[in-house]
Amino acid sequence: MNAAVSGLRRVHAAQEGGVAIEYALLASLMAVVCAAALLAFSDAADGLWRQIAQALAAAFSGSPPAP
């Protein structure tokens, strides 16, 4: 009986370790996807912020914004 309980505890502990590894792998995959998305959309975002900055600068200077 004691051996069965200790065996079940070992299996349960091994499963917890596996779950922790799965969570770590998921977190690392999410980080890689986020980094790839940032790199892929960085040029488009840079252009958008540049247009916003130019429009704001034109609005505060009183001249019409460039098309």
PDB file of N, CA and C in Angstrom:
ATOM      1  N   MET A   1       0.832  -1.198   0.000  1.00  0.00           N
ATOM      2  CA  MET A   1       0.000   0.000   0.000  1.00  0.00           C
ATOM      3  C   MET A   1       0.868   1.250   0.000  1.00  0.00           C
ATOM      4  N   ASN A   2       1.871   1.240   0.853  1.00  0.00           N
ATOM      5  CA  ASN A   2       2.775   2.396   0.937  1.00  0.00           C
ATOM      6  C   ASN A   2       3.510   2.612  -0.376  1.00  0.00           C
ATOM      7  N   ALA A   3       3.904   1.517  -1.038  1.00  0.00           N
ATOM      8  CA  ALA A   3       4.619   1.620  -2.310  1.00  0.00           C
ATOM      9  C   ALA A   3       3.714   2.188  -3.394  1.00  0.00           C
ATOM     10  N   ALA A   4       2.440   1.816  -3.368  1.00  0.00           N
ATOM     11  CA  ALA A   4       1.505   2.323  -4.368  1.00  0.00           C
ATOM     12  C   ALA A   4       1.295   3.820  -4.206  1.00  0.00           C
ATOM     13  N   VAL A   5       1.164   4.269  -2.972  1.00  0.00           N
ATOM     14  CA  VAL A   5       0.964   5.695  -2.712  1.00  0.00           C
ATOM     15  C   VAL A   5       2.196   6.484  -3.129  1.00  0.00           C
ATOM     16  N   SER A   6       3.369   5.993  -2.800  1.00  0.00           N
ATOM     17  CA  SER A   6       4.588   6.709  -3.193  1.00  0.00           C
ATOM     18  C   SER A   6       4.754   6.700  -4.705  1.00  0.00           C
ATOM     19  N   GLY A   7       4.325   5.617  -5.366  1.00  0.00           N
ATOM     20  CA  GLY A   7       4.376   5.562  -6.829  1.00  0.00           C
ATOM     21  C   GLY A   7       3.443   6.580  -7.452  1.00  0.00           C
ATOM     22  N   LEU A   8       2.239   6.704  -6.885  1.00  0.00           N
ATOM     23  CA  LEU A   8       1.290   7.700  -7.388  1.00  0.00           C
ATOM     24  C   LEU A   8       1.799   9.119  -7.176  1.00  0.00           C
ATOM     25  N   ARG A   9       2.460   9.339  -6.062  1.00  0.00           N
ATOM     26  CA  ARG A   9       3.024  10.674  -5.806  1.00  0.00           C
ATOM     27  C   ARG A   9       4.106  11.012  -6.814  1.00  0.00           C
ATOM     28  N   ARG A  10       4.926  10.010  -7.170  1.00  0.00           N
ATOM     29  CA  ARG A  10       5.986  10.250  -8.163  1.00  0.00           C
ATOM     30  C   ARG A  10       5.389  10.584  -9.527  1.00  0.00           C
ATOM     31  N   VAL A  11       4.319   9.855  -9.892  1.00  0.00           N
ATOM     32  CA  VAL A  11       3.672  10.121 -11.179  1.00  0.00           C
ATOM     33  C   VAL A  11       3.066  11.521 -11.177  1.00  0.00           C
ATOM     34  N   HIS A  12       2.423  11.882 -10.085  1.00  0.00           N
ATOM     35  CA  HIS A  12       1.812  13.211  -9.991  1.00  0.00           C
ATOM     36  C   HIS A  12       2.880  14.299 -10.067  1.00  0.00           C
ATOM     37  N   ALA A  13       3.996  14.120  -9.386  1.00  0.00           N
ATOM     38  CA  ALA A  13       5.081  15.098  -9.425  1.00  0.00           C
ATOM     39  C   ALA A  13       5.667  15.197 -10.828  1.00  0.00           C
ATOM     40  N   ALA A  14       5.769  14.071 -11.524  1.00  0.00           N
ATOM     41  CA  ALA A  14       6.311  14.088 -12.885  1.00  0.00           C
ATOM     42  C   ALA A  14       5.361  14.831 -13.816  1.00  0.00           C
ATOM     43  N   GLN A  15       4.063  14.690 -13.607  1.00  0.00           N
ATOM     44  CA  GLN A  15       3.102  15.394 -14.444  1.00  0.00           C
ATOM     45  C   GLN A  15       3.163  16.896 -14.205  1.00  0.00           C
ATOM     46  N   GLU A  16       3.361  17.317 -12.968  1.00  0.00           N
ATOM     47  CA  GLU A  16       3.473  18.748 -12.680  1.00  0.00           C
ATOM     48  C   GLU A  16       4.677  19.348 -13.376  1.00  0.00           C
ATOM     49  N   GLY A  17       5.770  18.610 -13.412  1.00  0.00           N
ATOM     50  CA  GLY A  17       6.956  19.089 -14.119  1.00  0.00           C
ATOM     51  C   GLY A  17       6.704  19.223 -15.605  1.00  0.00           C
ATOM     52  N   GLY A  18       5.955  18.267 -16.156  1.00  0.00           N
ATOM     53  CA  GLY A  18       5.618  18.324 -17.574  1.00  0.00           C
ATOM     54  C   GLY A  18       4.734  19.518 -17.896  1.00  0.00           C
ATOM     55  N   VAL A  19       3.807  19.809 -17.018  1.00  0.00           N
ATOM     56  CA  VAL A  19       2.925  20.960 -17.223  1.00  0.00           C
ATOM     57  C   VAL A  19       3.732  22.254 -17.179  1.00  0.00           C
ATOM     58  N   ALA A  20       4.672  22.330 -16.262  1.00  0.00           N
ATOM     59  CA  ALA A  20       5.511  23.525 -16.171  1.00  0.00           C
ATOM     60  C   ALA A  20       6.328  23.711 -17.446  1.00  0.00           C
ATOM     61  N   ILE A  21       6.822  22.613 -17.985  1.00  0.00           N
ATOM     62  CA  ILE A  21       7.591  22.700 -19.229  1.00  0.00           C
ATOM     63  C   ILE A  21       6.687  23.138 -20.377  1.00  0.00           C
ATOM     64  N   GLU A  22       5.450  22.610 -20.411  1.00  0.00           N
ATOM     65  CA  GLU A  22       4.520  23.028 -21.463  1.00  0.00           C
ATOM     66  C   GLU A  22       4.223  24.517 -21.377  1.00  0.00           C
ATOM     67  N   TYR A  23       4.007  25.018 -20.177  1.00  0.00           N
ATOM     68  CA  TYR A  23       3.756  26.456 -20.019  1.00  0.00           C
ATOM     69  C   TYR A  23       4.970  27.271 -20.446  1.00  0.00           C
ATOM     70  N   ALA A  24       6.152  26.805 -20.120  1.00  0.00           N
ATOM     71  CA  ALA A  24       7.369  27.517 -20.529  1.00  0.00           C
ATOM     72  C   ALA A  24       7.502  27.530 -22.046  1.00  0.00           C
ATOM     73  N   LEU A  25       7.193  26.414 -22.685  1.00  0.00           N
ATOM     74  CA  LEU A  25       7.265  26.363 -24.145  1.00  0.00           C
ATOM     75  C   LEU A  25       6.221  27.277 -24.783  1.00  0.00           C
ATOM     76  N   LEU A  26       5.020  27.297 -24.230  1.00  0.00           N
ATOM     77  CA  LEU A  26       3.990  28.194 -24.753  1.00  0.00           C
ATOM     78  C   LEU A  26       4.390  29.659 -24.593  1.00  0.00           C
ATOM     79  N   ALA A  27       4.939  29.995 -23.440  1.00  0.00           N
ATOM     80  CA  ALA A  27       5.357  31.381 -23.204  1.00  0.00           C
ATOM     81  C   ALA A  27       6.480  31.782 -24.160  1.00  0.00           C
ATOM     82  N   SER A  28       7.427  30.884 -24.385  1.00  0.00           N
ATOM     83  CA  SER A  28       8.518  31.212 -25.303  1.00  0.00           C
ATOM     84  C   SER A  28       8.015  31.323 -26.733  1.00  0.00           C
ATOM     85  N   LEU A  29       7.052  30.481 -27.124  1.00  0.00           N
ATOM     86  CA  LEU A  29       6.474  30.578 -28.461  1.00  0.00           C
ATOM     87  C   LEU A  29       5.737  31.897 -28.631  1.00  0.00           C
ATOM     88  N   MET A  30       5.011  32.309 -27.614  1.00  0.00           N
ATOM     89  CA  MET A  30       4.306  33.591 -27.677  1.00  0.00           C
ATOM     90  C   MET A  30       5.288  34.746 -27.793  1.00  0.00           C
ATOM     91  N   ALA A  31       6.400  34.673 -27.091  1.00  0.00           N
ATOM     92  CA  ALA A  31       7.405  35.730 -27.171  1.00  0.00           C
ATOM     93  C   ALA A  31       8.010  35.800 -28.571  1.00  0.00           C
ATOM     94  N   VAL A  32       8.268  34.655 -29.175  1.00  0.00           N
ATOM     95  CA  VAL A  32       8.828  34.632 -30.529  1.00  0.00           C
ATOM     96  C   VAL A  32       7.830  35.202 -31.530  1.00  0.00           C
ATOM     97  N   VAL A  33       6.553  34.850 -31.395  1.00  0.00           N
ATOM     98  CA  VAL A  33       5.522  35.367 -32.300  1.00  0.00           C
ATOM     99  C   VAL A  33       5.379  36.881 -32.144  1.00  0.00           C
ATOM    100  N   CYS A  34       5.405  37.368 -30.906  1.00  0.00           N
ATOM    101  CA  CYS A  34       5.309  38.816 -30.676  1.00  0.00           C
ATOM    102  C   CYS A  34       6.500  39.546 -31.281  1.00  0.00           C
ATOM    103  N   ALA A  35       7.686  39.006 -31.110  1.00  0.00           N
ATOM    104  CA  ALA A  35       8.876  39.638 -31.682  1.00  0.00           C
ATOM    105  C   ALA A  35       8.809  39.645 -33.204  1.00  0.00           C
ATOM    106  N   ALA A  36       8.362  38.547 -33.792  1.00  0.00           N
ATOM    107  CA  ALA A  36       8.241  38.491 -35.257  1.00  0.00           C
ATOM    108  C   ALA A  36       7.201  39.484 -35.754  1.00  0.00           C
ATOM    109  N   ALA A  37       6.093  39.614 -35.037  1.00  0.00           N
ATOM    110  CA  ALA A  37       5.059  40.571 -35.441  1.00  0.00           C
ATOM    111  C   ALA A  37       5.571  42.002 -35.342  1.00  0.00           C
ATOM    112  N   LEU A  38       6.305  42.296 -34.300  1.00  0.00           N
ATOM    113  CA  LEU A  38       6.863  43.647 -34.166  1.00  0.00           C
ATOM    114  C   LEU A  38       7.832  43.958 -35.296  1.00  0.00           C
ATOM    115  N   LEU A  39       8.657  42.987 -35.656  1.00  0.00           N
ATOM    116  CA  LEU A  39       9.588  43.206 -36.757  1.00  0.00           C
ATOM    117  C   LEU A  39       8.858  43.342 -38.088  1.00  0.00           C
ATOM    118  N   ALA A  40       7.809  42.559 -38.278  1.00  0.00           N
ATOM    119  CA  ALA A  40       7.081  42.593 -39.546  1.00  0.00           C
ATOM    120  C   ALA A  40       6.325  43.902 -39.733  1.00  0.00           C
ATOM    121  N   PHE A  41       5.772  44.444 -38.664  1.00  0.00           N
ATOM    122  CA  PHE A  41       4.941  45.638 -38.774  1.00  0.00           C
ATOM    123  C   PHE A  41       5.656  46.914 -38.350  1.00  0.00           C
ATOM    124  N   SER A  42       6.939  46.847 -38.086  1.00  0.00           N
ATOM    125  CA  SER A  42       7.643  48.029 -37.589  1.00  0.00           C
ATOM    126  C   SER A  42       7.724  49.129 -38.652  1.00  0.00           C
ATOM    127  N   ASP A  43       7.921  48.766 -39.902  1.00  0.00           N
ATOM    128  CA  ASP A  43       8.006  49.785 -40.954  1.00  0.00           C
ATOM    129  C   ASP A  43       6.668  50.489 -41.151  1.00  0.00           C
ATOM    130  N   ALA A  44       5.586  49.716 -41.141  1.00  0.00           N
ATOM    131  CA  ALA A  44       4.259  50.308 -41.313  1.00  0.00           C
ATOM    132  C   ALA A  44       3.924  51.212 -40.129  1.00  0.00           C
ATOM    133  N   ALA A  45       4.241  50.767 -38.940  1.00  0.00           N
ATOM    134  CA  ALA A  45       3.960  51.579 -37.753  1.00  0.00           C
ATOM    135  C   ALA A  45       4.813  52.843 -37.754  1.00  0.00           C
ATOM    136  N   ASP A  46       6.046  52.723 -38.213  1.00  0.00           N
ATOM    137  CA  ASP A  46       6.924  53.892 -38.272  1.00  0.00           C
ATOM    138  C   ASP A  46       6.357  54.926 -39.242  1.00  0.00           C
ATOM    139  N   GLY A  47       5.874  54.465 -40.376  1.00  0.00           N
ATOM    140  CA  GLY A  47       5.276  55.388 -41.344  1.00  0.00           C
ATOM    141  C   GLY A  47       4.023  56.056 -40.796  1.00  0.00           C
ATOM    142  N   LEU A  48       3.207  55.291 -40.081  1.00  0.00           N
ATOM    143  CA  LEU A  48       1.991  55.854 -39.490  1.00  0.00           C
ATOM    144  C   LEU A  48       2.329  56.935 -38.471  1.00  0.00           C
ATOM    145  N   TRP A  49       3.272  56.643 -37.576  1.00  0.00           N
ATOM    146  CA  TRP A  49       3.644  57.634 -36.553  1.00  0.00           C
ATOM    147  C   TRP A  49       4.301  58.853 -37.188  1.00  0.00           C
ATOM    148  N   ARG A  50       5.040  58.637 -38.279  1.00  0.00           N
ATOM    149  CA  ARG A  50       5.663  59.767 -38.979  1.00  0.00           C
ATOM    150  C   ARG A  50       4.590  60.679 -39.577  1.00  0.00           C
ATOM    151  N   GLN A  51       3.547  60.088 -40.175  1.00  0.00           N
ATOM    152  CA  GLN A  51       2.447  60.884 -40.734  1.00  0.00           C
ATOM    153  C   GLN A  51       1.707  61.645 -39.633  1.00  0.00           C
ATOM    154  N   ILE A  52       1.482  61.005 -38.519  1.00  0.00           N
ATOM    155  CA  ILE A  52       0.810  61.672 -37.399  1.00  0.00           C
ATOM    156  C   ILE A  52       1.645  62.838 -36.895  1.00  0.00           C
ATOM    157  N   ALA A  53       2.947  62.621 -36.764  1.00  0.00           N
ATOM    158  CA  ALA A  53       3.824  63.688 -36.287  1.00  0.00           C
ATOM    159  C   ALA A  53       3.847  64.866 -37.255  1.00  0.00           C
ATOM    160  N   GLN A  54       3.870  64.576 -38.560  1.00  0.00           N
ATOM    161  CA  GLN A  54       3.867  65.646 -39.548  1.00  0.00           C
ATOM    162  C   GLN A  54       2.542  66.416 -39.522  1.00  0.00           C
ATOM    163  N   ALA A  55       1.441  65.699 -39.376  1.00  0.00           N
ATOM    164  CA  ALA A  55       0.138  66.356 -39.321  1.00  0.00           C
ATOM    165  C   ALA A  55       0.023  67.228 -38.076  1.00  0.00           C
ATOM    166  N   LEU A  56       0.519  66.736 -36.948  1.00  0.00           N
ATOM    167  CA  LEU A  56       0.488  67.537 -35.719  1.00  0.00           C
ATOM    168  C   LEU A  56       1.387  68.767 -35.838  1.00  0.00           C
ATOM    169  N   ALA A  57       2.559  68.576 -36.416  1.00  0.00           N
ATOM    170  CA  ALA A  57       3.472  69.711 -36.588  1.00  0.00           C
ATOM    171  C   ALA A  57       2.849  70.760 -37.504  1.00  0.00           C
ATOM    172  N   ALA A  58       2.192  70.306 -38.564  1.00  0.00           N
ATOM    173  CA  ALA A  58       1.550  71.249 -39.476  1.00  0.00           C
ATOM    174  C   ALA A  58       0.373  71.944 -38.795  1.00  0.00           C
ATOM    175  N   ALA A  59      -0.369  71.209 -37.976  1.00  0.00           N
ATOM    176  CA  ALA A  59      -1.522  71.803 -37.293  1.00  0.00           C
ATOM    177  C   ALA A  59      -1.086  72.874 -36.308  1.00  0.00           C
ATOM    178  N   PHE A  60       0.017  72.645 -35.631  1.00  0.00           N
ATOM    179  CA  PHE A  60       0.471  73.618 -34.639  1.00  0.00           C
ATOM    180  C   PHE A  60       1.217  74.777 -35.279  1.00  0.00           C
ATOM    181  N   SER A  61       1.744  74.598 -36.485  1.00  0.00           N
ATOM    182  CA  SER A  61       2.454  75.697 -37.144  1.00  0.00           C
ATOM    183  C   SER A  61       1.507  76.574 -37.968  1.00  0.00           C
ATOM    184  N   GLY A  62       0.316  76.063 -38.256  1.00  0.00           N
ATOM    185  CA  GLY A  62      -0.657  76.852 -39.003  1.00  0.00           C
ATOM    186  C   GLY A  62      -0.627  76.593 -40.488  1.00  0.00           C
ATOM    187  N   SER A  63       0.294  75.819 -40.989  1.00  0.00           N
ATOM    188  CA  SER A  63       0.351  75.528 -42.424  1.00  0.00           C
ATOM    189  C   SER A  63      -0.468  74.268 -42.712  1.00  0.00           C
ATOM    190  N   PRO A  64      -0.958  74.117 -43.947  1.00  0.00           N
ATOM    191  CA  PRO A  64      -1.754  72.926 -44.267  1.00  0.00           C
ATOM    192  C   PRO A  64      -0.863  71.691 -44.283  1.00  0.00           C
ATOM    193  N   PRO A  65      -1.437  70.532 -43.881  1.00  0.00           N
ATOM    194  CA  PRO A  65      -0.634  69.302 -43.856  1.00  0.00           C
ATOM    195  C   PRO A  65      -0.284  68.821 -45.252  1.00  0.00           C
ATOM    196  N   ALA A  66       0.843  68.193 -45.373  1.00  0.00           N
ATOM    197  CA  ALA A  66       1.268  67.621 -46.645  1.00  0.00           C
ATOM    198  C   ALA A  66       0.445  66.378 -46.933  1.00  0.00           C
ATOM    199  N   PRO A  67       0.105  66.144 -48.200  1.00  0.00           N
ATOM    200  CA  PRO A  67      -0.716  64.958 -48.536  1.00  0.00           C
ATOM    201  C   PRO A  67       0.012  63.670 -48.361  1.00  0.00           C
TER     202      PRO A  67
END
